Amino acid sequence: MIATLHASLQRIVELGGPVVLLLCALSVLVLTVVLYKIWQFASAGVGNHKALSDAVAAWDAGDRTAARDHLGQSRSYLAPVVAMAFDGQTDAARLEAEAEARFARLERGFRLLESVAQIAPLLGLFGTVLGMISAFQALQDAGAQVDPSILAGGIWVALLTTAVGLAVAMPTSVVLSWFEARMDGDRVLAQQAVHRVLSPSGRRNSAVPDGVPAHA
């Protein structure tokens, strides 16, 4: 099966020329980056913040001991930011900047995936234009003995590069959107966590005088 797949890829490269070869190289690069980002996300605990959320909820309720216990169990890359807030850092801008620095490290490679998603269809179109030029040149060289198969064969070979370009761009765009959605969710969680730790509901409720409704 591997030999068959290799032969098919070799046939596609031979038909599509250097443009298809370049697109194949980009697809390998994209696959490498995607696999690395998946490993990086799993190691950092992206989207896995249950212990961190429990710590913030306990702190918000006024249970400092339980909050620190939950935080100690967290594998989230945002745990150090929350720990800074627990330890007395009250500058929300500083805490959010610390969180953004961690987001930036995890978002490295996104620009590359975005560039490939945009460039791959253009490379495919470029290959198609080159193929169409070759097809019409072959048609011109045939002179009066025009064979429709010459033109038809040249056109489908030319369109092959566009198909390969789209085949590279579409999965790249989908995976990039998934990565960005995960990071957007974590960014919202970090902002909520910082503000809940700095302004816990327990402290707000304790500031309300006895006999006065909390909503007054």
Foldseek 3Di string as FASTA:
>chain_A
DVVVVVVVLVVLCVLLDPLLVVLVVLLVVLVVLLVVLVVVCVQQVQVNCPLQVQLLVCLLQPNNVSNVVSLVVDSHNLSVLLVVLSVPPQDLVVSLVVVVVVLVVSCPPLVVLVVLLVVLLVSLLVSLVVLQVVLVVVQVVCPPVGDVVSNVVSNVSSNSSNVSSNVSNPVSVVSSVVSVVSSVVVSVVSSVSSVCSNPRNNVLVVVDDPPDDSVD
